[in-house]
Every structure is written in structure tokens, then in C-alpha cells.
Amino acid sequence: MGKRKSRAKPPPKKRMDKLDTVFCCPFCNHGSSVECRIDMKNLIGEATCRICQENFSTTVTALTEPIDIYSEWIDECERVNNLEDDGA
């Protein structure tokens, strides 16, 4: 004879928090002034500061998020600053 099947509930799904799309500008240090936009039609991601009008654009993939564009911008700023320090 077999056992009766239990009516166990499935485990609840973990909810992922949404990532930010607005960030602090590395040039003017204004909080929430950099907005990242992704144009999937042309595969271009753009980060623009509303205060100092600085901008950065890069190529994107289907998995790219706004935080990735901002991180690439910060990495590029650090790379350029390190090149200037080595050259001077």
C-alpha cells in the first residue's frame, strides 16, 4: 500500500530589487544627475549628466543594464586619469 501525497506548497520565489538608472556624476559630483539610457535598436548605451552636460556612450548587448554603462564610464575615467599620471 502506498502513502498519501502531501499538499506541500512550493517555496516562495525570491524577488529581485530593481537596479538604479540614475547615478552621481563623476565630474560635478551632483547626486542623481546622471541618467543612463539604452537604445537596443542601435545597440548604444548613453550616460548623460543633466548638470554639467558630460556624456559617455558605449556599445551594449541584450544583457546590458544601466549600471553597466555607468560602471564602464567610471572605469574609462580612471583609465584616462592613470594615463595622464604616467605621462606627466
C-alpha atoms as a PDB file:
ATOM      1  CA  MET A   1       0.000   0.000   0.000  1.00  0.00           C
ATOM      2  CA  GLY A   2       1.202   3.491  -0.795  1.00  0.00           C
ATOM      3  CA  LYS A   3       1.305   6.676   1.219  1.00  0.00           C
ATOM      4  CA  ARG A   4      -0.969   9.621   0.624  1.00  0.00           C
ATOM      5  CA  LYS A   5       0.618  12.547  -1.175  1.00  0.00           C
ATOM      6  CA  SER A   6       1.125  15.636   0.928  1.00  0.00           C
ATOM      7  CA  ARG A   7      -0.069  19.031  -0.238  1.00  0.00           C
ATOM      8  CA  ALA A   8       3.190  20.885   0.323  1.00  0.00           C
ATOM      9  CA  LYS A   9       3.295  24.428  -1.006  1.00  0.00           C
ATOM     10  CA  PRO A  10       6.114  25.289  -3.400  1.00  0.00           C
ATOM     11  CA  PRO A  11       8.807  27.569  -1.937  1.00  0.00           C
ATOM     12  CA  PRO A  12       8.162  31.289  -2.488  1.00  0.00           C
ATOM     13  CA  LYS A  13      10.045  32.961  -5.345  1.00  0.00           C
ATOM     14  CA  LYS A  14      12.815  35.349  -4.368  1.00  0.00           C
ATOM     15  CA  ARG A  15      12.096  38.865  -5.508  1.00  0.00           C
ATOM     16  CA  MET A  16      14.928  40.813  -7.130  1.00  0.00           C
ATOM     17  CA  ASP A  17      15.159  44.519  -6.361  1.00  0.00           C
ATOM     18  CA  LYS A  18      15.359  46.795  -9.387  1.00  0.00           C
ATOM     19  CA  LEU A  19      18.716  48.378 -10.111  1.00  0.00           C
ATOM     20  CA  ASP A  20      19.186  52.147 -10.254  1.00  0.00           C
ATOM     21  CA  THR A  21      19.076  54.083 -13.531  1.00  0.00           C
ATOM     22  CA  VAL A  22      20.158  57.445 -12.041  1.00  0.00           C
ATOM     23  CA  PHE A  23      23.652  57.962 -10.579  1.00  0.00           C
ATOM     24  CA  CYS A  24      26.148  60.516  -9.213  1.00  0.00           C
ATOM     25  CA  CYS A  25      28.224  62.420 -11.799  1.00  0.00           C
ATOM     26  CA  PRO A  26      31.996  61.747 -11.614  1.00  0.00           C
ATOM     27  CA  PHE A  27      32.772  65.283 -12.840  1.00  0.00           C
ATOM     28  CA  CYS A  28      30.428  67.621 -10.928  1.00  0.00           C
ATOM     29  CA  ASN A  29      29.582  65.217  -8.030  1.00  0.00           C
ATOM     30  CA  HIS A  30      25.873  66.010  -8.222  1.00  0.00           C
ATOM     31  CA  GLY A  31      23.839  63.130  -6.841  1.00  0.00           C
ATOM     32  CA  SER A  32      21.131  61.709  -9.103  1.00  0.00           C
ATOM     33  CA  SER A  33      22.166  63.801 -12.106  1.00  0.00           C
ATOM     34  CA  VAL A  34      23.445  61.084 -14.457  1.00  0.00           C
ATOM     35  CA  GLU A  35      20.756  59.282 -16.398  1.00  0.00           C
ATOM     36  CA  CYS A  36      21.527  56.134 -18.395  1.00  0.00           C
ATOM     37  CA  ARG A  37      19.555  55.232 -21.500  1.00  0.00           C
ATOM     38  CA  ILE A  38      19.801  52.114 -23.660  1.00  0.00           C
ATOM     39  CA  ASP A  39      18.893  52.138 -27.348  1.00  0.00           C
ATOM     40  CA  MET A  40      18.518  48.468 -28.269  1.00  0.00           C
ATOM     41  CA  LYS A  41      17.659  49.305 -31.888  1.00  0.00           C
ATOM     42  CA  ASN A  42      21.111  50.813 -32.498  1.00  0.00           C
ATOM     43  CA  LEU A  43      22.879  48.875 -29.678  1.00  0.00           C
ATOM     44  CA  ILE A  44      24.095  52.070 -27.999  1.00  0.00           C
ATOM     45  CA  GLY A  45      24.059  52.908 -24.303  1.00  0.00           C
ATOM     46  CA  GLU A  46      24.429  56.520 -23.203  1.00  0.00           C
ATOM     47  CA  ALA A  47      25.040  58.120 -19.808  1.00  0.00           C
ATOM     48  CA  THR A  48      24.428  61.903 -19.607  1.00  0.00           C
ATOM     49  CA  CYS A  49      24.733  64.389 -16.747  1.00  0.00           C
ATOM     50  CA  ARG A  50      21.910  66.944 -16.620  1.00  0.00           C
ATOM     51  CA  ILE A  51      24.020  69.482 -14.703  1.00  0.00           C
ATOM     52  CA  CYS A  52      27.429  69.628 -16.425  1.00  0.00           C
ATOM     53  CA  GLN A  53      26.300  68.092 -19.766  1.00  0.00           C
ATOM     54  CA  GLU A  54      29.074  65.454 -19.728  1.00  0.00           C
ATOM     55  CA  ASN A  55      28.164  62.285 -21.592  1.00  0.00           C
ATOM     56  CA  PHE A  56      29.503  58.831 -22.353  1.00  0.00           C
ATOM     57  CA  SER A  57      28.320  56.304 -24.903  1.00  0.00           C
ATOM     58  CA  THR A  58      29.226  52.673 -25.453  1.00  0.00           C
ATOM     59  CA  THR A  59      28.022  49.600 -27.298  1.00  0.00           C
ATOM     60  CA  VAL A  60      25.551  47.354 -25.481  1.00  0.00           C
ATOM     61  CA  THR A  61      24.259  43.797 -25.651  1.00  0.00           C
ATOM     62  CA  ALA A  62      20.909  42.301 -24.731  1.00  0.00           C
ATOM     63  CA  LEU A  63      22.144  41.702 -21.164  1.00  0.00           C
ATOM     64  CA  THR A  64      23.417  45.243 -20.511  1.00  0.00           C
ATOM     65  CA  GLU A  65      21.828  47.219 -17.672  1.00  0.00           C
ATOM     66  CA  PRO A  66      22.165  50.959 -16.893  1.00  0.00           C
ATOM     67  CA  ILE A  67      24.572  50.199 -14.020  1.00  0.00           C
ATOM     68  CA  ASP A  68      26.886  48.517 -16.539  1.00  0.00           C
ATOM     69  CA  ILE A  69      27.039  51.677 -18.665  1.00  0.00           C
ATOM     70  CA  TYR A  70      27.785  53.832 -15.613  1.00  0.00           C
ATOM     71  CA  SER A  71      30.478  51.388 -14.440  1.00  0.00           C
ATOM     72  CA  GLU A  72      32.156  51.463 -17.852  1.00  0.00           C
ATOM     73  CA  TRP A  73      32.144  55.279 -17.708  1.00  0.00           C
ATOM     74  CA  ILE A  74      33.814  55.267 -14.279  1.00  0.00           C
ATOM     75  CA  ASP A  75      36.385  52.696 -15.455  1.00  0.00           C
ATOM     76  CA  GLU A  76      37.176  54.799 -18.536  1.00  0.00           C
ATOM     77  CA  CYS A  77      37.637  57.934 -16.375  1.00  0.00           C
ATOM     78  CA  GLU A  78      40.059  56.059 -14.119  1.00  0.00           C
ATOM     79  CA  ARG A  79      41.964  54.681 -17.118  1.00  0.00           C
ATOM     80  CA  VAL A  80      42.383  58.163 -18.637  1.00  0.00           C
ATOM     81  CA  ASN A  81      43.483  59.619 -15.284  1.00  0.00           C
ATOM     82  CA  ASN A  82      46.103  56.878 -14.874  1.00  0.00           C
ATOM     83  CA  LEU A  83      47.453  57.530 -18.391  1.00  0.00           C
ATOM     84  CA  GLU A  84      47.799  61.254 -17.607  1.00  0.00           C
ATOM     85  CA  ASP A  85      49.630  60.486 -14.351  1.00  0.00           C
ATOM     86  CA  ASP A  86      52.087  58.132 -16.101  1.00  0.00           C
ATOM     87  CA  GLY A  87      52.734  60.583 -18.965  1.00  0.00           C
ATOM     88  CA  ALA A  88      53.378  63.638 -16.767  1.00  0.00           C
END
